[in-house]
Amino acid sequence: MALMDIFTGKNSDKDKRARPDKPDDMDILDKLHEEHEEVRELLGKLVESEKAPERMKLLKAIKEALVPHTKAEEKVVYDAIIATRDKNAKIDGNEGYFEHAHADMALKRLGTIKPASSPEFTAAAKVLKELVEHHIREEESNVWSDVKKNFSADERIEMNRAFEAAKKRVRIPN
């Protein structure tokens, strides 16, 4: 908050971006980071857990968080950067699609492993966690740089609105 705003009690534009009035007034990159942290936490708990019922509950929560996130992100963020004239952005967007496909395969495979308390499940959970964490690191560096370079702050807020709407249309497979 700017010094003058402290005295007047008004929020500056920068402060509003950090704490928007409505959730969909958020910059897409802030929203993505928030969701990345949620999934990281769930994956950490999944890998640490040894109890089958808890693992199944966590797996369901991961699927409910990850599937809408990835599908909406592809349509709103990746498609937007692929549509730019920036060759590196196009590569980053396509790489994101490939990494999402690999994480989706790992998530589906994990759901078929029984019992959930088995060493095979533990191994698959670790691989999923590693895939997602690698993807997040690259995305938050490369893709976000592309988004910042090619889209204004207002456009990124609009992207978040489209992202939230797209997530609502995603069907989560069993």
Foldseek 3Di string as FASTA:
>chain_A
DDPVCVVVVDDDPVRCQVPPPDPLQHQLLVVLVVLLVVLLVLLVVLLPDQDQVVNVVSLVVNLLSLQLQLVLCLVLQLVVQCPDPDPLSVVLSVVSVVLSVVLVVLSVVLVPDPPCNDPVNSVSSVVSSVSSVVSVVCCSPRSVVSCPVPDDRNVSSVSSVSSVVSSVVDDRDD
